Amino acid sequence: MADSDDEPITLSSHALAALQEFYGERDAHADKFEKLKAAAEEQHAGAQPLSMDAFTEDWNESQFWYSDETATLLARQLLDGVCEDEIIAVVSAPSVFVALKNLLNTDATLPKPGKLYLLEHDQRFSVFPEFIFYDFQQPIKLPAHLKGAVDRIICDPPFLSEDCQTKAALTVRWMSRPLSGADSHSSPRPRLIVCTGERMETLVTKLYRSFGAHTTTYEPRHARGLSNEFYCYANFECDAWRFRDEEKDGEGPKAT
């Protein structure tokens, strides 16, 4: 009797076509990622803008990229009025980091920070020299040089849970530059933006009360949409938003 194990496995034409399509997409994605890696290593003024297209969203990592418009708007608020001795940290918001890289590379009129860092769990972003591995479960397991050194921060905690939000806030507090007396009458330092779900509002405003953070009128948008209502919280007002509580009171925005 013939051994059935020796018979070759055959696929239907439909299954074979689907398999070929899968491998084709995988190879195209790998090629796109390698090109982005090379661009990240060799980026210089006037170079081709970087794109988030090479980084597919991993829902297990709770990854939902911002739309290009939202990422660029948030990046501009981090750069507005920045000084060359200031440090910007992007926590779990890689699309904003890429937007920052593009703005700094393509717009010579923008002020430039002294340093820019991306704190991120996804090792794919290690293609960028500014990458620092970050796990919110170990909120202060970070390079010592970041402690009390960061002037501008955006944080998008990966999960809508009290544990994740609280630990992310601990990271923000740990690396924030302490407010000195000389800063008390100028713009808040650090300049803080937190983007997360609307249902986290009470907790977020409590966690960042010492920063003077409020819910703003701006609602971030995601490239592929998001079922949860998303809010932007900040400790400053700007052309892009004002504080929601002041809007209700009928007051105008304060100077930043």
C-alpha atoms as a PDB file:
ATOM      1  CA  MET A   1       0.000   0.000   0.000  1.00  0.00           C
ATOM      2  CA  ALA A   2       1.364   3.416  -0.938  1.00  0.00           C
ATOM      3  CA  ASP A   3       2.405   5.689   1.901  1.00  0.00           C
ATOM      4  CA  SER A   4       0.064   8.699   1.808  1.00  0.00           C
ATOM      5  CA  ASP A   5       2.702  10.781   3.602  1.00  0.00           C
ATOM      6  CA  ASP A   6       4.803  10.730   0.445  1.00  0.00           C
ATOM      7  CA  GLU A   7       2.107  12.377  -1.639  1.00  0.00           C
ATOM      8  CA  PRO A   8       2.843  16.025  -2.466  1.00  0.00           C
ATOM      9  CA  ILE A   9       0.608  18.635  -0.898  1.00  0.00           C
ATOM     10  CA  THR A  10      -1.429  20.487  -3.481  1.00  0.00           C
ATOM     11  CA  LEU A  11      -3.283  23.773  -3.176  1.00  0.00           C
ATOM     12  CA  SER A  12      -6.311  24.968  -5.019  1.00  0.00           C
ATOM     13  CA  SER A  13      -5.746  27.762  -7.504  1.00  0.00           C
ATOM     14  CA  HIS A  14      -7.576  30.153  -5.154  1.00  0.00           C
ATOM     15  CA  ALA A  15      -5.423  29.212  -2.153  1.00  0.00           C
ATOM     16  CA  LEU A  16      -2.259  29.430  -4.253  1.00  0.00           C
ATOM     17  CA  ALA A  17      -3.194  32.906  -5.474  1.00  0.00           C
ATOM     18  CA  ALA A  18      -3.899  34.042  -1.901  1.00  0.00           C
ATOM     19  CA  LEU A  19      -0.542  32.657  -0.747  1.00  0.00           C
ATOM     20  CA  GLN A  20       1.299  34.407  -3.563  1.00  0.00           C
ATOM     21  CA  GLU A  21      -0.463  37.661  -2.700  1.00  0.00           C
ATOM     22  CA  PHE A  22       0.539  37.283   0.959  1.00  0.00           C
ATOM     23  CA  TYR A  23       4.203  36.718   0.113  1.00  0.00           C
ATOM     24  CA  GLY A  24       4.132  39.579  -2.362  1.00  0.00           C
ATOM     25  CA  GLU A  25       2.769  41.982   0.265  1.00  0.00           C
ATOM     26  CA  ARG A  26       5.266  40.709   2.835  1.00  0.00           C
ATOM     27  CA  ASP A  27       8.205  41.221   0.480  1.00  0.00           C
ATOM     28  CA  ALA A  28       6.973  44.677  -0.532  1.00  0.00           C
ATOM     29  CA  HIS A  29       6.605  45.645   3.120  1.00  0.00           C
ATOM     30  CA  ALA A  30      10.094  44.338   3.942  1.00  0.00           C
ATOM     31  CA  ASP A  31      11.542  46.338   1.053  1.00  0.00           C
ATOM     32  CA  LYS A  32       9.717  49.475   2.202  1.00  0.00           C
ATOM     33  CA  PHE A  33      11.007  48.985   5.752  1.00  0.00           C
ATOM     34  CA  GLU A  34      14.607  48.578   4.575  1.00  0.00           C
ATOM     35  CA  LYS A  35      14.324  51.793   2.575  1.00  0.00           C
ATOM     36  CA  LEU A  36      12.969  53.611   5.632  1.00  0.00           C
ATOM     37  CA  LYS A  37      15.797  52.219   7.748  1.00  0.00           C
ATOM     38  CA  ALA A  38      18.330  53.567   5.267  1.00  0.00           C
ATOM     39  CA  ALA A  39      16.544  56.928   5.188  1.00  0.00           C
ATOM     40  CA  ALA A  40      16.544  57.115   8.993  1.00  0.00           C
ATOM     41  CA  GLU A  41      20.277  56.446   9.095  1.00  0.00           C
ATOM     42  CA  GLU A  42      21.165  58.884   6.335  1.00  0.00           C
ATOM     43  CA  GLN A  43      18.543  61.588   6.824  1.00  0.00           C
ATOM     44  CA  HIS A  44      19.749  65.073   6.053  1.00  0.00           C
ATOM     45  CA  ALA A  45      18.232  68.438   5.250  1.00  0.00           C
ATOM     46  CA  GLY A  46      15.991  68.213   2.206  1.00  0.00           C
ATOM     47  CA  ALA A  47      15.870  64.400   2.189  1.00  0.00           C
ATOM     48  CA  GLN A  48      12.740  62.467   1.247  1.00  0.00           C
ATOM     49  CA  PRO A  49      10.162  62.705   4.083  1.00  0.00           C
ATOM     50  CA  LEU A  50       9.804  59.669   6.310  1.00  0.00           C
ATOM     51  CA  SER A  51       6.529  57.751   6.349  1.00  0.00           C
ATOM     52  CA  MET A  52       4.633  55.606   8.851  1.00  0.00           C
ATOM     53  CA  ASP A  53       3.513  53.324   6.003  1.00  0.00           C
ATOM     54  CA  ALA A  54       6.409  50.946   6.678  1.00  0.00           C
ATOM     55  CA  PHE A  55       5.139  50.303  10.212  1.00  0.00           C
ATOM     56  CA  THR A  56       1.955  48.263  10.166  1.00  0.00           C
ATOM     57  CA  GLU A  57      -0.206  48.768  13.235  1.00  0.00           C
ATOM     58  CA  ASP A  58       0.001  45.946  15.769  1.00  0.00           C
ATOM     59  CA  TRP A  59      -3.291  45.839  17.625  1.00  0.00           C
ATOM     60  CA  ASN A  60      -1.761  43.541  20.263  1.00  0.00           C
ATOM     61  CA  GLU A  61       0.508  46.486  21.085  1.00  0.00           C
ATOM     62  CA  SER A  62      -2.549  48.761  20.993  1.00  0.00           C
ATOM     63  CA  GLN A  63      -1.041  50.657  18.066  1.00  0.00           C
ATOM     64  CA  PHE A  64      -3.247  53.141  16.254  1.00  0.00           C
ATOM     65  CA  TRP A  65      -1.318  55.728  14.272  1.00  0.00           C
ATOM     66  CA  TYR A  66      -2.488  59.317  14.072  1.00  0.00           C
ATOM     67  CA  SER A  67      -3.476  60.787  10.754  1.00  0.00           C
ATOM     68  CA  ASP A  68      -0.692  62.803   9.117  1.00  0.00           C
ATOM     69  CA  GLU A  69      -2.624  65.994   9.847  1.00  0.00           C
ATOM     70  CA  THR A  70      -2.942  65.220  13.566  1.00  0.00           C
ATOM     71  CA  ALA A  71       0.663  64.036  13.915  1.00  0.00           C
ATOM     72  CA  THR A  72       1.965  67.191  12.237  1.00  0.00           C
ATOM     73  CA  LEU A  73      -0.247  69.494  14.303  1.00  0.00           C
ATOM     74  CA  LEU A  74       0.922  67.921  17.565  1.00  0.00           C
ATOM     75  CA  ALA A  75       4.544  68.017  16.420  1.00  0.00           C
ATOM     76  CA  ARG A  76       4.273  71.721  15.644  1.00  0.00           C
ATOM     77  CA  GLN A  77       2.991  72.431  19.153  1.00  0.00           C
ATOM     78  CA  LEU A  78       6.032  70.683  20.604  1.00  0.00           C
ATOM     79  CA  LEU A  79       8.343  72.769  18.417  1.00  0.00           C
ATOM     80  CA  ASP A  80       6.607  76.107  18.922  1.00  0.00           C
ATOM     81  CA  GLY A  81       9.055  78.391  20.709  1.00  0.00           C
ATOM     82  CA  VAL A  82      11.495  75.585  21.518  1.00  0.00           C
ATOM     83  CA  CYS A  83      15.045  76.598  22.467  1.00  0.00           C
ATOM     84  CA  GLU A  84      18.203  74.941  21.223  1.00  0.00           C
ATOM     85  CA  ASP A  85      19.069  73.728  24.719  1.00  0.00           C
ATOM     86  CA  GLU A  86      15.690  72.040  25.290  1.00  0.00           C
ATOM     87  CA  ILE A  87      14.891  68.335  25.093  1.00  0.00           C
ATOM     88  CA  ILE A  88      11.735  66.870  23.545  1.00  0.00           C
ATOM     89  CA  ALA A  89      10.525  63.373  24.486  1.00  0.00           C
ATOM     90  CA  VAL A  90       7.836  61.476  22.598  1.00  0.00           C
ATOM     91  CA  VAL A  91       6.325  58.672  24.691  1.00  0.00           C
ATOM     92  CA  SER A  92       4.440  55.922  22.841  1.00  0.00           C
ATOM     93  CA  ALA A  93       3.456  58.224  19.971  1.00  0.00           C
ATOM     94  CA  PRO A  94       5.775  57.251  17.092  1.00  0.00           C
ATOM     95  CA  SER A  95       3.690  58.944  14.403  1.00  0.00           C
ATOM     96  CA  VAL A  96       4.297  62.287  16.153  1.00  0.00           C
ATOM     97  CA  PHE A  97       8.005  61.461  16.330  1.00  0.00           C
ATOM     98  CA  VAL A  98       8.122  60.828  12.573  1.00  0.00           C
ATOM     99  CA  ALA A  99       6.254  64.101  11.987  1.00  0.00           C
ATOM    100  CA  LEU A 100       8.821  65.910  14.155  1.00  0.00           C
ATOM    101  CA  LYS A 101      11.671  64.377  12.165  1.00  0.00           C
ATOM    102  CA  ASN A 102      10.066  65.471   8.914  1.00  0.00           C
ATOM    103  CA  LEU A 103       9.383  69.025  10.100  1.00  0.00           C
ATOM    104  CA  LEU A 104      12.911  69.486  11.418  1.00  0.00           C
ATOM    105  CA  ASN A 105      14.338  68.100   8.197  1.00  0.00           C
ATOM    106  CA  THR A 106      12.211  70.030   5.712  1.00  0.00           C
ATOM    107  CA  ASP A 107      11.421  73.397   7.332  1.00  0.00           C
ATOM    108  CA  ALA A 108      14.544  75.447   7.979  1.00  0.00           C
ATOM    109  CA  THR A 109      12.489  78.236   9.586  1.00  0.00           C
ATOM    110  CA  LEU A 110      11.422  76.100  12.555  1.00  0.00           C
ATOM    111  CA  PRO A 111      13.321  76.347  15.843  1.00  0.00           C
ATOM    112  CA  LYS A 112      15.245  73.199  16.664  1.00  0.00           C
ATOM    113  CA  PRO A 113      15.554  71.467  20.049  1.00  0.00           C
ATOM    114  CA  GLY A 114      18.842  70.357  21.517  1.00  0.00           C
ATOM    115  CA  LYS A 115      17.757  66.715  21.532  1.00  0.00           C
ATOM    116  CA  LEU A 116      14.779  64.607  20.508  1.00  0.00           C
ATOM    117  CA  TYR A 117      13.958  61.162  21.904  1.00  0.00           C
ATOM    118  CA  LEU A 118      11.371  58.488  21.135  1.00  0.00           C
ATOM    119  CA  LEU A 119      10.401  56.279  24.083  1.00  0.00           C
ATOM    120  CA  GLU A 120       8.728  53.267  22.521  1.00  0.00           C
ATOM    121  CA  HIS A 121       8.106  49.556  23.177  1.00  0.00           C
ATOM    122  CA  ASP A 122       8.117  48.507  19.509  1.00  0.00           C
ATOM    123  CA  GLN A 123      11.667  47.554  18.569  1.00  0.00           C
ATOM    124  CA  ARG A 124      11.016  48.278  14.895  1.00  0.00           C
ATOM    125  CA  PHE A 125      11.532  51.948  15.721  1.00  0.00           C
ATOM    126  CA  SER A 126      15.090  51.222  16.811  1.00  0.00           C
ATOM    127  CA  VAL A 127      15.996  52.097  13.206  1.00  0.00           C
ATOM    128  CA  PHE A 128      16.006  55.665  14.532  1.00  0.00           C
ATOM    129  CA  PRO A 129      19.048  56.723  16.573  1.00  0.00           C
ATOM    130  CA  GLU A 130      16.725  58.638  18.930  1.00  0.00           C
ATOM    131  CA  PHE A 131      14.943  55.415  19.960  1.00  0.00           C
ATOM    132  CA  ILE A 132      14.895  54.406  23.636  1.00  0.00           C
ATOM    133  CA  PHE A 133      13.167  51.173  24.606  1.00  0.00           C
ATOM    134  CA  TYR A 134      10.231  51.863  26.912  1.00  0.00           C
ATOM    135  CA  ASP A 135       7.975  49.499  28.835  1.00  0.00           C
ATOM    136  CA  PHE A 136       5.255  51.227  30.837  1.00  0.00           C
ATOM    137  CA  GLN A 137       5.362  48.315  33.299  1.00  0.00           C
ATOM    138  CA  GLN A 138       8.824  49.582  34.274  1.00  0.00           C
ATOM    139  CA  PRO A 139       8.099  53.315  34.092  1.00  0.00           C
ATOM    140  CA  ILE A 140      11.459  54.639  35.264  1.00  0.00           C
ATOM    141  CA  LYS A 141      13.733  51.984  33.787  1.00  0.00           C
ATOM    142  CA  LEU A 142      15.228  54.580  31.473  1.00  0.00           C
ATOM    143  CA  PRO A 143      18.635  56.167  30.852  1.00  0.00           C
ATOM    144  CA  ALA A 144      19.703  58.206  33.870  1.00  0.00           C
ATOM    145  CA  HIS A 145      20.441  61.251  31.728  1.00  0.00           C
ATOM    146  CA  LEU A 146      16.696  61.691  31.113  1.00  0.00           C
ATOM    147  CA  LYS A 147      15.803  62.151  34.776  1.00  0.00           C
ATOM    148  CA  GLY A 148      14.589  65.716  35.352  1.00  0.00           C
ATOM    149  CA  ALA A 149      15.973  66.771  31.973  1.00  0.00           C
ATOM    150  CA  VAL A 150      13.047  66.930  29.532  1.00  0.00           C
ATOM    151  CA  ASP A 151      11.353  70.224  28.645  1.00  0.00           C
ATOM    152  CA  ARG A 152       8.604  69.154  26.228  1.00  0.00           C
ATOM    153  CA  ILE A 153       6.688  65.899  26.335  1.00  0.00           C
ATOM    154  CA  ILE A 154       3.897  64.213  24.449  1.00  0.00           C
ATOM    155  CA  CYS A 155       2.544  60.966  25.875  1.00  0.00           C
ATOM    156  CA  ASP A 156      -0.047  58.586  24.442  1.00  0.00           C
ATOM    157  CA  PRO A 157      -0.324  55.708  26.938  1.00  0.00           C
ATOM    158  CA  PRO A 158      -0.857  52.488  24.972  1.00  0.00           C
ATOM    159  CA  PHE A 159      -3.784  51.173  27.020  1.00  0.00           C
ATOM    160  CA  LEU A 160      -6.957  52.679  28.442  1.00  0.00           C
ATOM    161  CA  SER A 161      -6.438  51.293  31.923  1.00  0.00           C
ATOM    162  CA  GLU A 162      -5.767  53.002  35.237  1.00  0.00           C
ATOM    163  CA  ASP A 163      -2.568  51.003  35.662  1.00  0.00           C
ATOM    164  CA  CYS A 164      -1.119  52.017  32.299  1.00  0.00           C
ATOM    165  CA  GLN A 165      -2.171  55.655  32.616  1.00  0.00           C
ATOM    166  CA  THR A 166      -0.725  55.949  36.130  1.00  0.00           C
ATOM    167  CA  LYS A 167       2.600  54.380  35.196  1.00  0.00           C
ATOM    168  CA  ALA A 168       2.912  56.533  32.078  1.00  0.00           C
ATOM    169  CA  ALA A 169       2.307  59.604  34.245  1.00  0.00           C
ATOM    170  CA  LEU A 170       5.089  58.417  36.551  1.00  0.00           C
ATOM    171  CA  THR A 171       7.416  58.316  33.542  1.00  0.00           C
ATOM    172  CA  VAL A 172       6.426  61.858  32.603  1.00  0.00           C
ATOM    173  CA  ARG A 173       6.998  63.162  36.122  1.00  0.00           C
ATOM    174  CA  TRP A 174      10.333  61.354  36.435  1.00  0.00           C
ATOM    175  CA  MET A 175      11.856  62.867  33.320  1.00  0.00           C
ATOM    176  CA  SER A 176      10.269  66.336  33.495  1.00  0.00           C
ATOM    177  CA  ARG A 177      12.585  69.236  34.185  1.00  0.00           C
ATOM    178  CA  PRO A 178      11.660  70.724  37.586  1.00  0.00           C
ATOM    179  CA  LEU A 179       9.920  74.086  37.416  1.00  0.00           C
ATOM    180  CA  SER A 180      12.194  76.805  38.744  1.00  0.00           C
ATOM    181  CA  GLY A 181      11.152  80.151  40.147  1.00  0.00           C
ATOM    182  CA  ALA A 182      12.425  81.885  37.035  1.00  0.00           C
ATOM    183  CA  ASP A 183      10.004  79.863  34.918  1.00  0.00           C
ATOM    184  CA  SER A 184       6.893  80.517  36.979  1.00  0.00           C
ATOM    185  CA  HIS A 185       5.785  83.580  35.008  1.00  0.00           C
ATOM    186  CA  SER A 186       6.610  82.226  31.553  1.00  0.00           C
ATOM    187  CA  SER A 187       5.368  79.256  29.530  1.00  0.00           C
ATOM    188  CA  PRO A 188       4.800  76.093  31.566  1.00  0.00           C
ATOM    189  CA  ARG A 189       7.845  73.864  31.714  1.00  0.00           C
ATOM    190  CA  PRO A 190       7.690  71.198  30.664  1.00  0.00           C
ATOM    191  CA  ARG A 191       5.228  71.797  27.850  1.00  0.00           C
ATOM    192  CA  LEU A 192       2.966  68.778  28.140  1.00  0.00           C
ATOM    193  CA  ILE A 193       0.547  67.059  25.767  1.00  0.00           C
ATOM    194  CA  VAL A 194      -1.274  63.845  26.672  1.00  0.00           C
ATOM    195  CA  CYS A 195      -3.512  62.110  24.149  1.00  0.00           C
ATOM    196  CA  THR A 196      -5.786  59.315  25.313  1.00  0.00           C
ATOM    197  CA  GLY A 197      -9.388  58.212  25.562  1.00  0.00           C
ATOM    198  CA  GLU A 198     -12.216  60.449  26.699  1.00  0.00           C
ATOM    199  CA  ARG A 199     -13.135  57.966  29.435  1.00  0.00           C
ATOM    200  CA  MET A 200      -9.739  58.562  31.037  1.00  0.00           C
ATOM    201  CA  GLU A 201     -10.476  62.283  31.506  1.00  0.00           C
ATOM    202  CA  THR A 202     -11.028  62.301  35.282  1.00  0.00           C
ATOM    203  CA  LEU A 203      -7.931  60.207  35.921  1.00  0.00           C
ATOM    204  CA  VAL A 204      -5.702  62.096  33.468  1.00  0.00           C
ATOM    205  CA  THR A 205      -6.554  65.545  34.804  1.00  0.00           C
ATOM    206  CA  LYS A 206      -5.876  64.229  38.315  1.00  0.00           C
ATOM    207  CA  LEU A 207      -2.551  62.606  37.382  1.00  0.00           C
ATOM    208  CA  TYR A 208      -1.271  65.739  35.644  1.00  0.00           C
ATOM    209  CA  ARG A 209      -2.814  68.349  37.943  1.00  0.00           C
ATOM    210  CA  SER A 210       0.629  69.483  39.104  1.00  0.00           C
ATOM    211  CA  PHE A 211       1.474  70.259  35.471  1.00  0.00           C
ATOM    212  CA  GLY A 212      -1.616  72.420  35.076  1.00  0.00           C
ATOM    213  CA  ALA A 213      -3.084  70.087  32.451  1.00  0.00           C
ATOM    214  CA  HIS A 214      -6.651  70.528  31.186  1.00  0.00           C
ATOM    215  CA  THR A 215      -8.873  68.812  28.668  1.00  0.00           C
ATOM    216  CA  THR A 216      -8.599  70.757  25.410  1.00  0.00           C
ATOM    217  CA  THR A 217     -10.994  71.335  22.549  1.00  0.00           C
ATOM    218  CA  TYR A 218      -8.778  69.452  20.100  1.00  0.00           C
ATOM    219  CA  GLU A 219      -9.682  65.868  19.225  1.00  0.00           C
ATOM    220  CA  PRO A 220      -6.863  63.852  17.623  1.00  0.00           C
ATOM    221  CA  ARG A 221      -7.718  61.797  14.545  1.00  0.00           C
ATOM    222  CA  HIS A 222      -6.334  58.388  13.642  1.00  0.00           C
ATOM    223  CA  ALA A 223      -5.355  57.233  10.181  1.00  0.00           C
ATOM    224  CA  ARG A 224      -7.654  54.193  10.295  1.00  0.00           C
ATOM    225  CA  GLY A 225     -10.272  55.628  12.585  1.00  0.00           C
ATOM    226  CA  LEU A 226     -10.896  54.667  16.200  1.00  0.00           C
ATOM    227  CA  SER A 227     -14.116  53.645  17.898  1.00  0.00           C
ATOM    228  CA  ASN A 228     -13.155  55.236  21.223  1.00  0.00           C
ATOM    229  CA  GLU A 229     -13.593  58.974  21.609  1.00  0.00           C
ATOM    230  CA  PHE A 230     -10.129  60.485  21.905  1.00  0.00           C
ATOM    231  CA  TYR A 231      -9.122  63.652  23.755  1.00  0.00           C
ATOM    232  CA  CYS A 232      -6.059  65.857  23.858  1.00  0.00           C
ATOM    233  CA  TYR A 233      -4.970  67.140  27.266  1.00  0.00           C
ATOM    234  CA  ALA A 234      -2.363  69.872  27.675  1.00  0.00           C
ATOM    235  CA  ASN A 235      -1.012  72.495  30.057  1.00  0.00           C
ATOM    236  CA  PHE A 236      -1.049  75.280  27.477  1.00  0.00           C
ATOM    237  CA  GLU A 237      -3.394  76.844  24.954  1.00  0.00           C
ATOM    238  CA  CYS A 238      -2.494  77.634  21.364  1.00  0.00           C
ATOM    239  CA  ASP A 239      -4.002  78.353  17.953  1.00  0.00           C
ATOM    240  CA  ALA A 240      -5.000  74.688  17.650  1.00  0.00           C
ATOM    241  CA  TRP A 241      -6.932  74.424  20.922  1.00  0.00           C
ATOM    242  CA  ARG A 242      -8.188  76.049  24.086  1.00  0.00           C
ATOM    243  CA  PHE A 243      -9.177  74.544  27.412  1.00  0.00           C
ATOM    244  CA  ARG A 244     -12.660  73.004  27.399  1.00  0.00           C
ATOM    245  CA  ASP A 245     -13.504  74.261  30.881  1.00  0.00           C
ATOM    246  CA  GLU A 246     -12.688  77.853  29.887  1.00  0.00           C
ATOM    247  CA  GLU A 247     -14.710  77.517  26.696  1.00  0.00           C
ATOM    248  CA  LYS A 248     -17.704  76.537  28.828  1.00  0.00           C
ATOM    249  CA  ASP A 249     -17.105  79.537  31.066  1.00  0.00           C
ATOM    250  CA  GLY A 250     -16.942  81.819  28.043  1.00  0.00           C
ATOM    251  CA  GLU A 251     -13.388  82.930  28.741  1.00  0.00           C
ATOM    252  CA  GLY A 252     -10.814  83.540  26.045  1.00  0.00           C
ATOM    253  CA  PRO A 253      -7.587  81.572  25.814  1.00  0.00           C
ATOM    254  CA  LYS A 254      -4.703  82.605  28.007  1.00  0.00           C
ATOM    255  CA  ALA A 255      -1.338  83.574  26.613  1.00  0.00           C
ATOM    256  CA  THR A 256       1.158  80.726  26.422  1.00  0.00           C
END
